[in-house]
Protein backbone atom coordinates (compact mmCIF):
# COMPACT_ATOMS: atom_id res chain seq x y z
CA MET A 1 67.06 -26.16 -54.40
CA ARG A 2 66.78 -29.27 -52.31
CA ILE A 3 67.98 -29.42 -48.68
CA THR A 4 68.87 -32.78 -47.23
CA ALA A 5 69.95 -33.60 -43.72
CA ASP A 6 73.36 -35.04 -43.02
CA PRO A 7 72.79 -38.63 -41.81
CA ARG A 8 75.33 -38.01 -39.01
CA THR A 9 73.27 -35.12 -37.53
CA PRO A 10 71.19 -37.22 -35.09
CA GLY A 11 74.33 -38.84 -33.71
CA ARG A 12 76.11 -35.50 -33.35
CA LEU A 13 73.07 -33.97 -31.73
CA MET A 14 72.75 -36.87 -29.30
CA GLY A 15 76.48 -36.62 -28.47
CA ALA A 16 76.19 -32.90 -27.79
CA LEU A 17 73.16 -33.46 -25.58
CA LEU A 18 74.96 -36.17 -23.62
CA VAL A 19 77.94 -33.86 -23.03
CA LEU A 20 75.70 -31.02 -21.86
CA PHE A 21 73.67 -33.38 -19.67
CA SER A 22 76.75 -34.91 -18.06
CA LEU A 23 78.21 -31.44 -17.39
CA GLY A 24 75.00 -30.46 -15.64
CA LEU A 25 75.13 -33.54 -13.45
CA ALA A 26 78.85 -33.29 -12.76
CA ALA A 27 78.71 -29.70 -11.50
CA PRO A 28 76.50 -30.43 -8.43
CA ALA A 29 78.49 -33.58 -7.68
CA GLN A 30 81.77 -31.61 -7.82
CA ALA A 31 80.34 -28.84 -5.65
CA GLU A 32 79.16 -31.42 -3.10
CA ALA A 33 82.58 -33.10 -3.11
CA GLN A 34 84.26 -29.74 -2.35
CA ALA A 35 81.75 -28.61 0.30
CA THR A 36 82.39 -29.08 4.00
CA VAL A 37 80.07 -31.69 5.52
CA HIS A 38 78.83 -31.03 9.07
CA GLN A 39 77.47 -34.27 10.53
CA VAL A 40 74.85 -33.85 13.24
CA VAL A 41 74.20 -37.12 15.06
CA ILE A 42 71.16 -36.76 17.31
CA THR A 43 71.06 -39.10 20.31
CA VAL A 44 68.34 -39.52 22.92
CA ASP A 45 68.92 -40.76 26.48
CA VAL A 46 65.63 -42.65 26.84
CA GLU A 47 66.04 -42.79 30.64
CA THR A 48 66.04 -38.99 31.05
CA GLY A 49 64.67 -37.80 27.69
CA ALA A 50 67.78 -35.64 27.20
CA ILE A 51 68.82 -35.09 23.59
CA SER A 52 72.48 -34.63 22.66
CA TYR A 53 74.13 -33.63 19.39
CA SER A 54 77.52 -34.28 17.86
CA LEU A 55 77.45 -30.58 16.82
CA ASN A 56 75.46 -27.88 18.61
CA PRO A 57 75.43 -25.32 17.30
CA VAL A 58 76.28 -26.20 13.73
CA ILE A 59 78.57 -23.47 12.38
CA ALA A 60 78.68 -23.50 8.60
CA PHE A 61 78.99 -21.41 5.44
CA PRO A 62 76.73 -21.05 2.41
CA GLY A 63 77.22 -24.09 0.17
CA ASP A 64 78.26 -26.37 3.05
CA LEU A 65 76.32 -29.57 3.65
CA VAL A 66 74.65 -30.59 6.90
CA GLU A 67 74.00 -34.29 7.43
CA PHE A 68 71.36 -35.05 10.05
CA LEU A 69 71.04 -38.53 11.58
CA ALA A 70 69.17 -39.97 14.57
CA PRO A 71 70.31 -43.61 14.69
CA GLN A 72 67.72 -44.60 17.34
CA GLY A 73 64.56 -43.91 15.33
CA SER A 74 62.67 -41.76 12.88
CA TRP A 75 63.40 -38.04 13.06
CA ARG A 76 62.38 -34.59 11.83
CA VAL A 77 64.17 -31.24 11.86
CA THR A 78 61.78 -28.30 11.42
CA PHE A 79 62.55 -24.61 11.01
CA ASN A 80 59.62 -22.52 12.24
CA GLN A 81 60.46 -19.31 10.40
CA LEU A 82 63.70 -18.71 8.51
CA THR A 83 65.82 -21.59 7.29
CA PRO A 84 69.30 -21.74 5.76
CA PHE A 85 68.10 -24.69 3.66
CA VAL A 86 65.67 -24.87 0.76
CA GLU A 87 63.32 -27.05 2.83
CA GLN A 88 61.52 -25.90 5.99
CA SER A 89 61.40 -29.48 7.25
CA ILE A 90 63.94 -32.28 6.83
CA ALA A 91 62.98 -35.77 7.92
CA ASN A 92 63.56 -39.47 7.61
CA ASP A 93 61.14 -42.19 8.68
CA GLN A 94 64.11 -44.51 9.12
CA PRO A 95 67.20 -44.06 11.32
CA GLN A 96 69.23 -43.04 8.27
CA PRO A 97 71.04 -39.79 7.41
CA ARG A 98 69.83 -36.97 5.18
CA ARG A 99 72.38 -34.58 3.71
CA VAL A 100 71.13 -31.09 2.80
CA PRO A 101 73.00 -28.07 1.41
CA ILE A 102 72.95 -24.64 2.99
CA ARG A 103 71.60 -22.24 0.36
CA GLY A 104 74.28 -20.21 -1.40
CA ASN A 105 72.29 -17.06 -0.61
CA ALA A 106 71.61 -17.92 3.06
CA GLU A 107 71.99 -14.80 5.18
CA PRO A 108 74.61 -14.97 7.94
CA GLY A 109 72.96 -15.43 11.32
CA SER A 110 71.45 -17.89 13.77
CA TYR A 111 68.65 -20.24 12.69
CA LYS A 112 66.70 -21.99 15.45
CA TYR A 113 65.04 -25.30 14.68
CA THR A 114 63.16 -28.04 16.47
CA VAL A 115 64.26 -31.67 16.49
CA PHE A 116 61.77 -34.51 16.92
CA VAL A 117 62.99 -38.09 17.42
CA THR A 118 60.51 -40.95 17.73
CA ILE A 119 61.68 -44.14 19.42
CA GLY A 120 58.93 -46.74 19.69
CA ASP A 121 55.80 -44.86 20.76
CA GLN A 122 57.66 -41.98 22.47
CA THR A 123 58.61 -38.69 20.74
CA TYR A 124 61.36 -36.46 22.14
CA SER A 125 62.00 -32.85 21.07
CA GLU A 126 64.43 -29.97 21.57
CA ASP A 127 65.47 -26.63 19.97
CA PRO A 128 69.15 -26.37 18.85
CA GLU A 129 70.50 -23.96 16.19
CA VAL A 130 72.48 -23.57 12.96
CA ILE A 131 74.79 -20.56 12.67
CA VAL A 132 75.65 -19.43 9.14
CA ARG A 133 78.72 -17.26 8.75
CA GLY A 134 79.60 -14.95 5.88
CA ARG A 135 82.36 -16.14 3.57
CA GLY A 136 84.81 -13.55 4.94
CA GLU A 137 84.34 -14.61 8.58
CA GLN A 138 86.59 -17.04 10.37
CA GLU A 139 85.21 -20.39 11.43
CA SER A 140 85.31 -20.74 15.21
CA GLN A 141 83.28 -22.61 17.75
CA PRO A 142 81.32 -20.83 20.51
CA GLY A 143 83.52 -20.02 23.46
CA THR A 144 86.56 -19.68 21.20
CA GLY A 145 85.87 -16.29 19.68
CA GLY A 146 82.60 -17.25 17.97
CA PHE A 147 79.20 -15.59 18.40
């Protein structure tokens, strides 16, 4: 008995692989499109050294995205112990944003972090926080029924 391959098999196999590959890429893109994005713009008053944030604290849910940006210079956000993100440290050597997802299994609670912003030869730092809520909790800002 002689077994021969169907000449269409490589094409079918390649088509199936392309479908599977595109599904794998589409799922994260769809999840990101449906996630809430919390933009944290970090600004430094170079006269006083005071750092301000467009959101502080950040109140988010697992799967949400946090976009950090310090438009005045390079920046780093570092979690000393626990982090709601995969990375302990998030940085950009340019004044451009970085968008990072909160882990789906992040425990509800408060996560303190340190922000470093370098403008010229001066580095400024401060310690804000990210608050992760459980999926059943209501979203509210501090002072309005929040933590």
